[in-house]
Amino acid sequence: MNKPSKSPDRHSFQKEGYVKRMAEKGKPVNEDYLELFEKMIDSHNRKFDDPQSRINNLEYDLLTTDWILEKVRASEAYAQNLYAAICNNDFQKRDLWPLLKEETWGASWRYAGGIIADMRQQGDYIDWYCSGMGGLAGGWDKDEETFSEWAARTGFVSESVVTDEIRDDLFKLGWLVVDDKDDT
């Protein structure tokens, strides 16, 4: 088994926020609550121990494929574009049975942000969450530039946008972006 890439800061945002809020209120932290965070981190660190959990799992493929990890670590824009592609989209393994059974994989915006943090081996989901929505996480200053100018400067795209480069790389990885089906 390839060892999945992970961020040492994954799942820290909520825990640190809780501790800070309690300190600001002058209240002690609830040790049972802190233990829940530790259990969540332990569960996250063991999620691919079962070989079945790696099958038809885009997250596992992203976290264990050297060439795509290198691209995500080398370019913030590429990392954000992959995050944006994961948001609001479904993916299908380019393999006979998943295609025939119409099995798909998808992730929430928060979870997608966490995957990128793990791939870059830094930060937590919040570093990517909403990064395509007007630069909320990317530092867009509305008084300095328009959204279009900011997007052109950063290379960031809105959530659910799949750039040609990301689509091509996912295809090389063995995955298809499931295009919306017109049910009418």
N, C-alpha and C. Protein backbone atom coordinates (compact mmCIF):
# COMPACT_ATOMS: atom_id res chain seq x y z
N MET A 1 0.85 -1.18 0.00
CA MET A 1 0.00 0.00 0.00
C MET A 1 0.89 1.24 0.00
N ASN A 2 0.63 2.14 -0.94
CA ASN A 2 1.27 3.45 -0.88
C ASN A 2 0.74 4.18 0.34
N LYS A 3 1.63 4.86 1.03
CA LYS A 3 1.20 5.62 2.20
C LYS A 3 0.55 6.92 1.74
N PRO A 4 -0.72 7.13 2.11
CA PRO A 4 -1.41 8.35 1.68
C PRO A 4 -0.77 9.61 2.24
N SER A 5 -0.72 10.63 1.42
CA SER A 5 -0.23 11.94 1.85
C SER A 5 -1.19 12.50 2.89
N LYS A 6 -0.65 13.19 3.89
CA LYS A 6 -1.54 13.83 4.86
C LYS A 6 -0.90 15.07 5.46
N SER A 7 -1.75 15.95 5.90
CA SER A 7 -1.34 17.19 6.53
C SER A 7 -1.28 16.98 8.04
N PRO A 8 -0.20 17.42 8.68
CA PRO A 8 -0.16 17.30 10.14
C PRO A 8 -1.18 18.22 10.82
N ASP A 9 -1.71 19.18 10.07
CA ASP A 9 -2.68 20.12 10.62
C ASP A 9 -4.13 19.74 10.34
N ARG A 10 -4.34 18.62 9.65
CA ARG A 10 -5.70 18.21 9.29
C ARG A 10 -6.52 18.02 10.55
N HIS A 11 -7.72 18.54 10.55
CA HIS A 11 -8.68 18.48 11.65
C HIS A 11 -8.27 19.37 12.83
N SER A 12 -7.37 20.30 12.61
CA SER A 12 -6.95 21.18 13.70
C SER A 12 -7.80 22.45 13.80
N PHE A 13 -8.39 22.87 12.70
CA PHE A 13 -9.12 24.14 12.68
C PHE A 13 -10.23 24.18 13.72
N GLN A 14 -11.07 23.18 13.75
CA GLN A 14 -12.19 23.17 14.68
C GLN A 14 -11.72 23.02 16.13
N LYS A 15 -10.75 22.14 16.35
CA LYS A 15 -10.24 21.93 17.70
C LYS A 15 -9.61 23.22 18.24
N GLU A 16 -8.77 23.85 17.45
CA GLU A 16 -8.11 25.09 17.89
C GLU A 16 -9.13 26.20 18.12
N GLY A 17 -10.15 26.27 17.27
CA GLY A 17 -11.20 27.26 17.45
C GLY A 17 -11.96 27.05 18.75
N TYR A 18 -12.24 25.80 19.07
CA TYR A 18 -12.95 25.48 20.32
C TYR A 18 -12.10 25.89 21.52
N VAL A 19 -10.84 25.52 21.53
CA VAL A 19 -9.96 25.87 22.65
C VAL A 19 -9.86 27.39 22.80
N LYS A 20 -9.75 28.10 21.69
CA LYS A 20 -9.66 29.56 21.72
C LYS A 20 -10.94 30.18 22.27
N ARG A 21 -12.10 29.69 21.82
CA ARG A 21 -13.38 30.22 22.31
C ARG A 21 -13.52 30.01 23.82
N MET A 22 -13.12 28.85 24.31
CA MET A 22 -13.22 28.58 25.74
C MET A 22 -12.29 29.51 26.52
N ALA A 23 -11.08 29.73 26.00
CA ALA A 23 -10.14 30.63 26.67
C ALA A 23 -10.69 32.06 26.71
N GLU A 24 -11.29 32.50 25.59
CA GLU A 24 -11.87 33.84 25.55
C GLU A 24 -13.02 34.01 26.53
N LYS A 25 -13.75 32.93 26.76
CA LYS A 25 -14.87 32.97 27.70
C LYS A 25 -14.42 32.74 29.14
N GLY A 26 -13.14 32.38 29.30
CA GLY A 26 -12.63 32.09 30.64
C GLY A 26 -13.14 30.77 31.18
N LYS A 27 -13.51 29.86 30.31
CA LYS A 27 -14.05 28.57 30.72
C LYS A 27 -13.04 27.47 30.43
N PRO A 28 -13.07 26.40 31.21
CA PRO A 28 -12.17 25.27 30.93
C PRO A 28 -12.66 24.49 29.72
N VAL A 29 -11.73 23.87 29.03
CA VAL A 29 -12.12 23.03 27.90
C VAL A 29 -12.67 21.72 28.43
N ASN A 30 -13.59 21.16 27.69
CA ASN A 30 -14.18 19.87 28.04
C ASN A 30 -13.26 18.79 27.47
N GLU A 31 -12.63 18.04 28.35
CA GLU A 31 -11.67 17.01 27.93
C GLU A 31 -12.34 15.93 27.07
N ASP A 32 -13.60 15.63 27.36
CA ASP A 32 -14.32 14.64 26.55
C ASP A 32 -14.48 15.15 25.12
N TYR A 33 -14.72 16.46 24.98
CA TYR A 33 -14.85 17.05 23.66
C TYR A 33 -13.52 16.99 22.91
N LEU A 34 -12.43 17.29 23.61
CA LEU A 34 -11.11 17.21 22.99
C LEU A 34 -10.79 15.77 22.58
N GLU A 35 -11.25 14.82 23.37
CA GLU A 35 -11.03 13.41 23.03
C GLU A 35 -11.76 13.04 21.73
N LEU A 36 -12.92 13.64 21.49
CA LEU A 36 -13.64 13.40 20.23
C LEU A 36 -12.79 13.83 19.03
N PHE A 37 -12.11 14.98 19.15
CA PHE A 37 -11.23 15.43 18.08
C PHE A 37 -10.11 14.42 17.85
N GLU A 38 -9.54 13.90 18.93
CA GLU A 38 -8.46 12.91 18.80
C GLU A 38 -8.96 11.64 18.13
N LYS A 39 -10.16 11.21 18.47
CA LYS A 39 -10.76 10.03 17.83
C LYS A 39 -10.99 10.28 16.34
N MET A 40 -11.42 11.49 16.00
CA MET A 40 -11.65 11.85 14.60
C MET A 40 -10.32 11.78 13.83
N ILE A 41 -9.26 12.32 14.41
CA ILE A 41 -7.95 12.29 13.76
C ILE A 41 -7.47 10.86 13.61
N ASP A 42 -7.64 10.04 14.65
CA ASP A 42 -7.22 8.64 14.58
C ASP A 42 -8.00 7.89 13.50
N SER A 43 -9.29 8.13 13.43
CA SER A 43 -10.12 7.48 12.40
C SER A 43 -9.67 7.91 11.01
N HIS A 44 -9.40 9.20 10.85
CA HIS A 44 -8.93 9.72 9.56
C HIS A 44 -7.60 9.06 9.17
N ASN A 45 -6.72 8.90 10.12
CA ASN A 45 -5.40 8.32 9.83
C ASN A 45 -5.46 6.83 9.50
N ARG A 46 -6.54 6.16 9.90
CA ARG A 46 -6.66 4.72 9.64
C ARG A 46 -7.67 4.38 8.54
N LYS A 47 -8.23 5.39 7.88
CA LYS A 47 -9.34 5.12 6.97
C LYS A 47 -9.01 4.25 5.77
N PHE A 48 -7.75 4.17 5.39
CA PHE A 48 -7.39 3.34 4.25
C PHE A 48 -6.68 2.05 4.67
N ASP A 49 -6.74 1.71 5.95
CA ASP A 49 -6.13 0.47 6.42
C ASP A 49 -6.81 -0.75 5.79
N ASP A 50 -8.10 -0.67 5.59
CA ASP A 50 -8.85 -1.76 4.96
C ASP A 50 -8.68 -1.63 3.44
N PRO A 51 -8.12 -2.65 2.79
CA PRO A 51 -7.92 -2.56 1.33
C PRO A 51 -9.20 -2.26 0.56
N GLN A 52 -10.35 -2.65 1.06
CA GLN A 52 -11.62 -2.37 0.38
C GLN A 52 -11.89 -0.87 0.31
N SER A 53 -11.40 -0.11 1.28
CA SER A 53 -11.66 1.32 1.31
C SER A 53 -10.89 2.07 0.22
N ARG A 54 -9.95 1.42 -0.41
CA ARG A 54 -9.13 2.05 -1.45
C ARG A 54 -9.71 1.85 -2.85
N ILE A 55 -10.64 0.94 -2.97
CA ILE A 55 -11.19 0.58 -4.29
C ILE A 55 -12.18 1.64 -4.75
N ASN A 56 -12.03 2.08 -6.00
CA ASN A 56 -12.92 3.08 -6.59
C ASN A 56 -13.07 4.30 -5.68
N ASN A 57 -11.94 4.74 -5.14
CA ASN A 57 -11.92 5.87 -4.22
C ASN A 57 -10.97 6.93 -4.76
N LEU A 58 -11.53 7.99 -5.31
CA LEU A 58 -10.71 9.05 -5.89
C LEU A 58 -9.79 9.67 -4.85
N GLU A 59 -10.26 9.84 -3.64
CA GLU A 59 -9.41 10.41 -2.59
C GLU A 59 -8.14 9.59 -2.42
N TYR A 60 -8.29 8.29 -2.31
CA TYR A 60 -7.12 7.43 -2.14
C TYR A 60 -6.16 7.58 -3.34
N ASP A 61 -6.71 7.57 -4.53
CA ASP A 61 -5.87 7.71 -5.72
C ASP A 61 -5.12 9.05 -5.73
N LEU A 62 -5.80 10.12 -5.33
CA LEU A 62 -5.16 11.44 -5.28
C LEU A 62 -4.06 11.48 -4.22
N LEU A 63 -4.32 10.87 -3.09
CA LEU A 63 -3.37 10.93 -1.96
C LEU A 63 -2.16 9.99 -2.13
N THR A 64 -2.21 9.11 -3.12
CA THR A 64 -1.13 8.12 -3.26
C THR A 64 -0.45 8.14 -4.63
N THR A 65 -0.75 9.12 -5.45
CA THR A 65 -0.18 9.17 -6.79
C THR A 65 0.84 10.30 -6.86
N ASP A 66 2.11 9.93 -6.98
CA ASP A 66 3.21 10.89 -6.87
C ASP A 66 3.11 12.05 -7.85
N TRP A 67 2.80 11.78 -9.11
CA TRP A 67 2.85 12.87 -10.09
C TRP A 67 1.79 13.93 -9.84
N ILE A 68 0.61 13.53 -9.37
CA ILE A 68 -0.42 14.53 -9.11
C ILE A 68 -0.14 15.25 -7.78
N LEU A 69 0.43 14.53 -6.82
CA LEU A 69 0.85 15.18 -5.56
C LEU A 69 1.88 16.26 -5.85
N GLU A 70 2.81 15.97 -6.74
CA GLU A 70 3.83 16.96 -7.10
C GLU A 70 3.21 18.20 -7.71
N LYS A 71 2.22 18.01 -8.58
CA LYS A 71 1.57 19.17 -9.22
C LYS A 71 0.82 20.02 -8.18
N VAL A 72 0.13 19.37 -7.26
CA VAL A 72 -0.62 20.09 -6.24
C VAL A 72 0.33 20.86 -5.32
N ARG A 73 1.45 20.26 -4.99
CA ARG A 73 2.42 20.92 -4.10
C ARG A 73 3.19 22.03 -4.79
N ALA A 74 3.34 21.94 -6.10
CA ALA A 74 4.13 22.93 -6.85
C ALA A 74 3.34 24.18 -7.21
N SER A 75 2.01 24.09 -7.25
CA SER A 75 1.22 25.22 -7.74
C SER A 75 -0.04 25.40 -6.91
N GLU A 76 -0.14 26.55 -6.27
CA GLU A 76 -1.34 26.88 -5.51
C GLU A 76 -2.56 26.96 -6.43
N ALA A 77 -2.38 27.49 -7.63
CA ALA A 77 -3.50 27.60 -8.58
C ALA A 77 -3.98 26.20 -8.99
N TYR A 78 -3.05 25.30 -9.26
CA TYR A 78 -3.44 23.94 -9.63
C TYR A 78 -4.18 23.28 -8.46
N ALA A 79 -3.67 23.46 -7.25
CA ALA A 79 -4.31 22.88 -6.07
C ALA A 79 -5.73 23.41 -5.92
N GLN A 80 -5.90 24.72 -6.12
CA GLN A 80 -7.23 25.30 -5.99
C GLN A 80 -8.14 24.81 -7.11
N ASN A 81 -7.61 24.66 -8.30
CA ASN A 81 -8.42 24.17 -9.43
C ASN A 81 -8.88 22.73 -9.17
N LEU A 82 -8.03 21.91 -8.56
CA LEU A 82 -8.44 20.54 -8.22
C LEU A 82 -9.51 20.58 -7.13
N TYR A 83 -9.31 21.42 -6.12
CA TYR A 83 -10.33 21.59 -5.08
C TYR A 83 -11.67 21.98 -5.73
N ALA A 84 -11.64 22.99 -6.59
CA ALA A 84 -12.87 23.47 -7.23
C ALA A 84 -13.54 22.36 -8.03
N ALA A 85 -12.75 21.55 -8.72
CA ALA A 85 -13.31 20.46 -9.53
C ALA A 85 -14.00 19.42 -8.66
N ILE A 86 -13.44 19.15 -7.50
CA ILE A 86 -14.03 18.13 -6.62
C ILE A 86 -15.37 18.60 -6.08
N CYS A 87 -15.52 19.90 -5.87
CA CYS A 87 -16.75 20.46 -5.32
C CYS A 87 -17.92 20.34 -6.31
N ASN A 88 -19.05 19.86 -5.82
CA ASN A 88 -20.29 19.79 -6.60
C ASN A 88 -20.21 18.90 -7.84
N ASN A 89 -19.25 18.02 -7.88
CA ASN A 89 -19.15 17.10 -9.02
C ASN A 89 -19.08 15.67 -8.53
N ASP A 90 -19.48 14.78 -9.40
CA ASP A 90 -19.32 13.35 -9.15
C ASP A 90 -18.30 12.82 -10.13
N PHE A 91 -17.64 11.76 -9.72
CA PHE A 91 -16.58 11.15 -10.51
C PHE A 91 -16.82 9.66 -10.58
N GLN A 92 -16.33 9.08 -11.67
CA GLN A 92 -16.52 7.65 -11.88
C GLN A 92 -15.19 7.05 -12.30
N LYS A 93 -14.86 5.92 -11.68
CA LYS A 93 -13.66 5.19 -12.05
C LYS A 93 -13.81 4.72 -13.49
N ARG A 94 -12.77 4.91 -14.26
CA ARG A 94 -12.77 4.54 -15.67
C ARG A 94 -12.48 3.03 -15.77
N ASP A 95 -13.45 2.26 -15.32
CA ASP A 95 -13.31 0.81 -15.26
C ASP A 95 -14.69 0.21 -15.54
N LEU A 96 -14.73 -0.97 -16.09
CA LEU A 96 -15.99 -1.55 -16.57
C LEU A 96 -17.08 -1.62 -15.50
N TRP A 97 -16.81 -2.26 -14.36
CA TRP A 97 -17.87 -2.46 -13.37
C TRP A 97 -18.40 -1.16 -12.78
N PRO A 98 -17.54 -0.24 -12.36
CA PRO A 98 -18.09 1.03 -11.85
C PRO A 98 -18.93 1.77 -12.90
N LEU A 99 -18.52 1.69 -14.17
CA LEU A 99 -19.29 2.34 -15.21
C LEU A 99 -20.65 1.67 -15.40
N LEU A 100 -20.65 0.34 -15.45
CA LEU A 100 -21.91 -0.39 -15.64
C LEU A 100 -22.84 -0.22 -14.44
N LYS A 101 -22.27 -0.22 -13.25
CA LYS A 101 -23.08 -0.10 -12.04
C LYS A 101 -23.39 1.37 -11.69
N GLU A 102 -22.87 2.29 -12.51
CA GLU A 102 -23.05 3.72 -12.29
C GLU A 102 -22.63 4.14 -10.89
N GLU A 103 -21.53 3.56 -10.41
CA GLU A 103 -20.96 3.93 -9.11
C GLU A 103 -20.18 5.23 -9.26
N THR A 104 -20.43 6.14 -8.36
CA THR A 104 -19.74 7.43 -8.41
C THR A 104 -19.09 7.73 -7.06
N TRP A 105 -18.21 8.71 -7.10
CA TRP A 105 -17.53 9.21 -5.90
C TRP A 105 -17.70 10.73 -5.88
N GLY A 106 -17.93 11.30 -4.73
CA GLY A 106 -18.06 12.74 -4.59
C GLY A 106 -17.68 13.16 -3.18
N ALA A 107 -17.50 14.46 -2.98
CA ALA A 107 -17.11 14.98 -1.68
C ALA A 107 -17.72 16.36 -1.45
N SER A 108 -17.94 16.70 -0.20
CA SER A 108 -18.42 18.02 0.16
C SER A 108 -17.30 19.05 -0.06
N TRP A 109 -17.65 20.32 -0.03
CA TRP A 109 -16.66 21.38 -0.19
C TRP A 109 -15.62 21.30 0.92
N ARG A 110 -16.07 21.09 2.15
CA ARG A 110 -15.12 20.99 3.27
C ARG A 110 -14.21 19.79 3.10
N TYR A 111 -14.80 18.68 2.74
CA TYR A 111 -13.98 17.48 2.59
C TYR A 111 -12.99 17.65 1.45
N ALA A 112 -13.41 18.28 0.36
CA ALA A 112 -12.51 18.54 -0.76
C ALA A 112 -11.34 19.41 -0.30
N GLY A 113 -11.62 20.42 0.51
CA GLY A 113 -10.56 21.26 1.04
C GLY A 113 -9.57 20.46 1.88
N GLY A 114 -10.09 19.52 2.64
CA GLY A 114 -9.23 18.66 3.45
C GLY A 114 -8.34 17.75 2.61
N ILE A 115 -8.88 17.27 1.51
CA ILE A 115 -8.08 16.44 0.60
C ILE A 115 -6.90 17.24 0.06
N ILE A 116 -7.16 18.47 -0.34
CA ILE A 116 -6.08 19.31 -0.87
C ILE A 116 -5.05 19.60 0.22
N ALA A 117 -5.50 19.88 1.44
CA ALA A 117 -4.56 20.09 2.55
C ALA A 117 -3.70 18.85 2.75
N ASP A 118 -4.31 17.68 2.71
CA ASP A 118 -3.54 16.43 2.84
C ASP A 118 -2.56 16.28 1.69
N MET A 119 -3.00 16.57 0.48
CA MET A 119 -2.11 16.43 -0.68
C MET A 119 -0.91 17.37 -0.57
N ARG A 120 -1.13 18.59 -0.09
CA ARG A 120 -0.05 19.57 0.05
C ARG A 120 0.76 19.36 1.33
N GLN A 121 0.23 18.52 2.21
CA GLN A 121 0.85 18.21 3.50
C GLN A 121 0.98 19.45 4.39
N GLN A 122 -0.06 20.31 4.29
CA GLN A 122 -0.08 21.49 5.14
C GLN A 122 -1.50 22.03 5.25
N GLY A 123 -1.81 22.59 6.39
CA GLY A 123 -3.08 23.25 6.58
C GLY A 123 -4.24 22.30 6.83
N ASP A 124 -5.42 22.88 6.75
CA ASP A 124 -6.66 22.15 6.99
C ASP A 124 -7.66 22.54 5.91
N TYR A 125 -8.84 22.00 5.97
CA TYR A 125 -9.83 22.24 4.92
C TYR A 125 -10.12 23.73 4.73
N ILE A 126 -10.06 24.49 5.81
CA ILE A 126 -10.45 25.89 5.76
C ILE A 126 -9.53 26.71 4.85
N ASP A 127 -8.33 26.23 4.60
CA ASP A 127 -7.40 26.94 3.72
C ASP A 127 -7.86 26.93 2.26
N TRP A 128 -8.78 26.04 1.92
CA TRP A 128 -9.27 25.91 0.54
C TRP A 128 -10.77 26.15 0.44
N TYR A 129 -11.47 25.96 1.52
CA TYR A 129 -12.93 26.08 1.54
C TYR A 129 -13.36 27.45 1.02
N CYS A 130 -14.23 27.45 0.03
CA CYS A 130 -14.77 28.67 -0.61
C CYS A 130 -13.70 29.49 -1.33
N SER A 131 -12.59 28.89 -1.69
CA SER A 131 -11.51 29.64 -2.33
C SER A 131 -11.86 30.11 -3.74
N GLY A 132 -12.90 29.58 -4.33
CA GLY A 132 -13.30 30.02 -5.65
C GLY A 132 -14.46 31.01 -5.62
N MET A 133 -14.99 31.27 -4.45
CA MET A 133 -16.15 32.16 -4.31
C MET A 133 -15.70 33.59 -4.03
N GLY A 134 -15.21 34.24 -5.03
CA GLY A 134 -14.81 35.62 -4.84
C GLY A 134 -13.54 35.74 -4.03
N GLY A 135 -12.80 34.67 -3.94
CA GLY A 135 -11.53 34.74 -3.23
C GLY A 135 -11.67 34.83 -1.73
N LEU A 136 -12.77 34.33 -1.17
CA LEU A 136 -12.97 34.43 0.27
C LEU A 136 -11.78 33.86 1.04
N ALA A 137 -11.27 32.74 0.59
CA ALA A 137 -10.09 32.17 1.25
C ALA A 137 -8.81 32.59 0.56
N GLY A 138 -8.92 33.17 -0.62
CA GLY A 138 -7.73 33.51 -1.39
C GLY A 138 -7.27 34.95 -1.30
N GLY A 139 -7.96 35.78 -0.52
CA GLY A 139 -7.49 37.12 -0.29
C GLY A 139 -7.89 38.17 -1.31
N TRP A 140 -9.03 38.02 -1.95
CA TRP A 140 -9.48 39.02 -2.91
C TRP A 140 -9.87 40.29 -2.16
N ASP A 141 -9.33 41.41 -2.57
CA ASP A 141 -9.67 42.72 -2.01
C ASP A 141 -10.56 43.44 -3.02
N LYS A 142 -11.83 43.52 -2.72
CA LYS A 142 -12.81 44.11 -3.64
C LYS A 142 -12.48 45.56 -4.00
N ASP A 143 -11.79 46.25 -3.11
CA ASP A 143 -11.46 47.65 -3.36
C ASP A 143 -10.27 47.81 -4.30
N GLU A 144 -9.50 46.76 -4.47
CA GLU A 144 -8.28 46.83 -5.28
C GLU A 144 -8.46 46.33 -6.71
N GLU A 145 -9.34 45.33 -6.89
CA GLU A 145 -9.51 44.74 -8.21
C GLU A 145 -10.87 44.07 -8.33
N THR A 146 -11.30 43.88 -9.56
CA THR A 146 -12.57 43.18 -9.78
C THR A 146 -12.34 41.69 -9.57
N PHE A 147 -13.45 40.97 -9.43
CA PHE A 147 -13.34 39.52 -9.27
C PHE A 147 -12.64 38.90 -10.48
N SER A 148 -12.98 39.36 -11.67
CA SER A 148 -12.36 38.82 -12.89
C SER A 148 -10.86 39.07 -12.89
N GLU A 149 -10.45 40.24 -12.45
CA GLU A 149 -9.01 40.54 -12.37
C GLU A 149 -8.32 39.64 -11.36
N TRP A 150 -8.97 39.48 -10.20
CA TRP A 150 -8.42 38.60 -9.17
C TRP A 150 -8.29 37.16 -9.69
N ALA A 151 -9.33 36.66 -10.33
CA ALA A 151 -9.32 35.29 -10.85
C ALA A 151 -8.22 35.12 -11.90
N ALA A 152 -8.07 36.10 -12.77
CA ALA A 152 -7.02 36.03 -13.79
C ALA A 152 -5.63 36.05 -13.15
N ARG A 153 -5.47 36.86 -12.12
CA ARG A 153 -4.16 36.97 -11.45
C ARG A 153 -3.81 35.70 -10.69
N THR A 154 -4.77 35.11 -10.00
CA THR A 154 -4.49 33.94 -9.17
C THR A 154 -4.58 32.62 -9.93
N GLY A 155 -5.40 32.59 -10.99
CA GLY A 155 -5.65 31.33 -11.68
C GLY A 155 -6.72 30.51 -10.99
N PHE A 156 -7.35 31.05 -9.95
CA PHE A 156 -8.39 30.32 -9.23
C PHE A 156 -9.67 30.31 -10.05
N VAL A 157 -10.48 29.27 -9.85
CA VAL A 157 -11.77 29.14 -10.52
C VAL A 157 -12.85 28.88 -9.47
N SER A 158 -14.09 29.08 -9.85
CA SER A 158 -15.21 28.86 -8.94
C SER A 158 -15.39 27.37 -8.66
N GLU A 159 -15.99 27.11 -7.50
CA GLU A 159 -16.32 25.74 -7.14
C GLU A 159 -17.18 25.11 -8.22
N SER A 160 -16.93 23.88 -8.52
CA SER A 160 -17.57 23.01 -9.52
C SER A 160 -17.00 23.17 -10.92
N VAL A 161 -16.16 24.17 -11.15
CA VAL A 161 -15.52 24.32 -12.46
C VAL A 161 -14.42 23.27 -12.60
N VAL A 162 -14.42 22.58 -13.72
CA VAL A 162 -13.38 21.60 -14.01
C VAL A 162 -12.59 22.11 -15.20
N THR A 163 -11.35 22.51 -14.95
CA THR A 163 -10.52 23.01 -16.04
C THR A 163 -10.10 21.84 -16.94
N ASP A 164 -9.70 22.15 -18.14
CA ASP A 164 -9.24 21.10 -19.06
C ASP A 164 -8.06 20.33 -18.49
N GLU A 165 -7.13 21.05 -17.84
CA GLU A 165 -5.96 20.39 -17.26
C GLU A 165 -6.37 19.40 -16.17
N ILE A 166 -7.27 19.81 -15.30
CA ILE A 166 -7.73 18.91 -14.23
C ILE A 166 -8.47 17.72 -14.83
N ARG A 167 -9.37 17.97 -15.79
CA ARG A 167 -10.11 16.88 -16.43
C ARG A 167 -9.13 15.88 -17.07
N ASP A 168 -8.12 16.38 -17.76
CA ASP A 168 -7.13 15.51 -18.40
C ASP A 168 -6.34 14.72 -17.36
N ASP A 169 -5.95 15.38 -16.28
CA ASP A 169 -5.17 14.68 -15.25
C ASP A 169 -6.00 13.63 -14.53
N LEU A 170 -7.25 13.92 -14.26
CA LEU A 170 -8.12 12.92 -13.64
C LEU A 170 -8.32 11.73 -14.57
N PHE A 171 -8.43 11.99 -15.86
CA PHE A 171 -8.55 10.92 -16.84
C PHE A 171 -7.30 10.03 -16.81
N LYS A 172 -6.11 10.66 -16.78
CA LYS A 172 -4.86 9.90 -16.69
C LYS A 172 -4.80 9.07 -15.41
N LEU A 173 -5.42 9.60 -14.36
CA LEU A 173 -5.46 8.92 -13.08
C LEU A 173 -6.46 7.76 -13.09
N GLY A 174 -7.31 7.73 -14.11
CA GLY A 174 -8.29 6.65 -14.24
C GLY A 174 -9.70 7.05 -13.85
N TRP A 175 -9.99 8.37 -13.86
CA TRP A 175 -11.29 8.86 -13.42
C TRP A 175 -11.94 9.74 -14.47
N LEU A 176 -13.25 9.71 -14.50
CA LEU A 176 -14.05 10.56 -15.38
C LEU A 176 -14.87 11.52 -14.52
N VAL A 177 -15.05 12.74 -15.01
CA VAL A 177 -15.98 13.66 -14.39
C VAL A 177 -17.36 13.29 -14.94
N VAL A 178 -18.30 13.04 -14.07
CA VAL A 178 -19.65 12.68 -14.50
C VAL A 178 -20.36 13.97 -14.89
N ASP A 179 -20.66 14.08 -16.14
CA ASP A 179 -21.39 15.26 -16.62
C ASP A 179 -22.84 15.12 -16.25
N ASP A 180 -23.47 16.25 -15.96
CA ASP A 180 -24.90 16.23 -15.61
C ASP A 180 -25.69 15.56 -16.72
N LYS A 181 -26.63 14.74 -16.31
CA LYS A 181 -27.51 14.09 -17.29
C LYS A 181 -28.81 14.86 -17.36
N ASP A 182 -29.24 15.14 -18.54
CA ASP A 182 -30.51 15.84 -18.73
C ASP A 182 -31.63 14.83 -18.57
N ASP A 183 -32.39 14.97 -17.49
CA ASP A 183 -33.46 14.02 -17.18
C ASP A 183 -34.76 14.33 -17.90
N THR A 184 -34.79 15.38 -18.72
CA THR A 184 -36.06 15.72 -19.38
C THR A 184 -36.25 14.97 -20.65
